[in-house]
Amino acid sequence: MQIKIGNKKSIYIEVADKIESFIRLGVYTDNEKLPSCRKLGLELGVNPNTIERAYSLLEERGIVYTILKKGIFVCPQDQNQAFIEEVSNTIMHFKSMGVSKSELIQVIENIYEEGKQDDKN
C-alpha cells in the first residue's frame, strides 16, 4: 500500500481516508484482514498509534470492524452504502446552512405526504 502523506489534514485522517478509498476501489475486499498497526506504521513511517487512530476512525465510519486478538477487517460493502453516504452528505450540508433537525424532518414529511397524494390520483 502506498499512501502519500501531505500536511493538509491530520496524518491519521489522511491514512483513514486513503484506506477507505482503497476499500471503495476494491483493493481490499469484504472481510479481508488489514495490515496490523505496527506493520502499516513501519511501512508508512508513522507511529503505530497513528494507524490505530485511523483504524478507530474507520470503525466509527462503519468501514472496518475489529475481532479481538485477530485484527481489523473490512466490513462488507453493501449497495446501500452509497445511498447512506449521499443522504448523510446532504443532511450535513443543510446542517451547515443552519437548517434545524425539526425543519428538515418537516420537509421530509411534506415530501412523503405529497407522494401519498400523487399515489391517490
Protein backbone atom coordinates (compact mmCIF):
# COMPACT_ATOMS: atom_id res chain seq x y z
CA MET A 1 0.00 0.00 0.00
CA GLN A 2 1.27 3.46 -0.80
CA ILE A 3 -0.09 6.48 0.98
CA LYS A 4 1.40 9.89 0.38
CA ILE A 5 1.10 11.96 3.49
CA GLY A 6 0.73 15.68 2.97
CA ASN A 7 0.15 18.29 5.60
CA LYS A 8 -3.38 19.46 4.84
CA LYS A 9 -5.05 17.21 7.40
CA SER A 10 -4.00 15.24 10.43
CA ILE A 11 -1.98 12.19 9.43
CA TYR A 12 -4.45 9.72 10.91
CA ILE A 13 -7.29 11.28 8.90
CA GLU A 14 -5.24 11.10 5.69
CA VAL A 15 -4.42 7.46 6.38
CA ALA A 16 -8.06 6.64 7.17
CA ASP A 17 -9.31 8.43 4.04
CA LYS A 18 -6.80 6.62 1.84
CA ILE A 19 -7.61 3.21 3.30
CA GLU A 20 -11.31 3.95 2.82
CA SER A 21 -10.71 4.85 -0.83
CA PHE A 22 -8.73 1.61 -1.29
CA ILE A 23 -11.69 -0.30 0.13
CA ARG A 24 -14.16 1.53 -2.14
CA LEU A 25 -11.94 0.78 -5.15
CA GLY A 26 -11.79 -2.90 -4.26
CA VAL A 27 -8.11 -3.03 -3.31
CA TYR A 28 -9.31 -4.50 -0.03
CA THR A 29 -12.34 -6.78 -0.25
CA ASP A 30 -15.16 -7.70 2.13
CA ASN A 31 -13.93 -9.31 5.35
CA GLU A 32 -10.28 -9.01 4.30
CA LYS A 33 -7.81 -8.51 7.15
CA LEU A 34 -5.95 -5.19 7.07
CA PRO A 35 -2.27 -4.89 7.98
CA SER A 36 -1.50 -4.63 11.71
CA CYS A 37 -0.96 -1.17 13.17
CA ARG A 38 2.71 -1.93 13.70
CA LYS A 39 3.26 -3.29 10.17
CA LEU A 40 1.42 -0.44 8.43
CA GLY A 41 3.11 2.12 10.68
CA LEU A 42 6.53 0.80 9.69
CA GLU A 43 5.52 0.71 6.03
CA LEU A 44 4.36 4.33 6.10
CA GLY A 45 6.99 5.61 8.51
CA VAL A 46 4.46 6.74 11.09
CA ASN A 47 3.79 5.81 14.70
CA PRO A 48 1.60 2.69 15.10
CA ASN A 49 -0.65 4.77 17.39
CA THR A 50 -1.44 6.94 14.36
CA ILE A 51 -2.56 3.86 12.44
CA GLU A 52 -4.59 2.69 15.43
CA ARG A 53 -6.32 6.07 15.49
CA ALA A 54 -7.00 5.84 11.74
CA TYR A 55 -8.48 2.35 12.17
CA SER A 56 -10.66 3.64 15.04
CA LEU A 57 -11.95 6.39 12.77
CA LEU A 58 -12.72 3.85 10.05
CA GLU A 59 -14.55 1.71 12.60
CA GLU A 60 -16.64 4.74 13.64
CA ARG A 61 -17.49 5.27 9.96
CA GLY A 62 -18.60 1.62 9.67
CA ILE A 63 -15.87 0.79 7.16
CA VAL A 64 -13.95 -1.77 9.24
CA TYR A 65 -14.59 -3.98 12.26
CA THR A 66 -12.32 -5.44 14.91
CA ILE A 67 -12.08 -9.02 16.07
CA LEU A 68 -10.24 -9.04 19.38
CA LYS A 69 -6.79 -10.65 19.13
CA LYS A 70 -7.33 -11.34 15.41
CA GLY A 71 -7.17 -7.93 13.76
CA ILE A 72 -9.02 -5.31 11.76
CA PHE A 73 -11.24 -6.44 8.87
CA VAL A 74 -13.12 -4.74 6.05
CA CYS A 75 -16.87 -4.53 6.60
CA PRO A 76 -18.92 -5.97 3.75
CA GLN A 77 -19.78 -3.09 1.44
CA ASP A 78 -23.46 -3.23 0.62
CA GLN A 79 -25.29 -1.38 -2.10
CA ASN A 80 -26.99 0.87 0.44
CA GLN A 81 -23.67 2.39 1.50
CA ALA A 82 -23.61 4.88 -1.40
CA PHE A 83 -27.20 5.88 -0.61
CA ILE A 84 -26.40 6.37 3.08
CA GLU A 85 -23.36 8.47 2.23
CA GLU A 86 -25.33 10.65 -0.17
CA VAL A 87 -28.12 11.24 2.35
CA SER A 88 -25.58 11.93 5.12
CA ASN A 89 -23.72 14.45 2.97
CA THR A 90 -26.99 16.20 2.09
CA ILE A 91 -28.07 16.37 5.72
CA MET A 92 -24.65 17.71 6.76
CA HIS A 93 -24.92 20.36 4.05
CA PHE A 94 -28.31 21.52 5.35
CA LYS A 95 -27.00 21.44 8.94
CA SER A 96 -24.06 23.65 7.95
CA MET A 97 -26.55 26.09 6.39
CA GLY A 98 -28.34 26.38 9.74
CA VAL A 99 -31.36 24.22 8.91
CA SER A 100 -32.63 22.67 12.14
CA LYS A 101 -33.44 19.00 12.58
CA SER A 102 -37.14 19.77 13.02
CA GLU A 103 -37.19 21.87 9.82
CA LEU A 104 -35.52 19.07 7.89
CA ILE A 105 -37.94 16.49 9.28
CA GLN A 106 -40.84 18.72 8.27
CA VAL A 107 -39.52 18.95 4.70
CA ILE A 108 -39.20 15.16 4.54
CA GLU A 109 -42.72 14.69 5.90
CA ASN A 110 -44.09 17.16 3.34
CA ILE A 111 -42.37 15.31 0.51
CA TYR A 112 -43.79 11.99 1.65
CA GLU A 113 -47.26 13.48 2.08
CA GLU A 114 -47.13 14.86 -1.48
CA GLY A 115 -46.15 11.38 -2.66
CA LYS A 116 -49.20 9.87 -0.95
CA GLN A 117 -51.49 12.35 -2.68
CA ASP A 118 -49.87 11.61 -6.06
CA ASP A 119 -50.47 7.87 -5.45
CA LYS A 120 -54.20 8.53 -4.85
CA ASN A 121 -54.65 10.42 -8.15
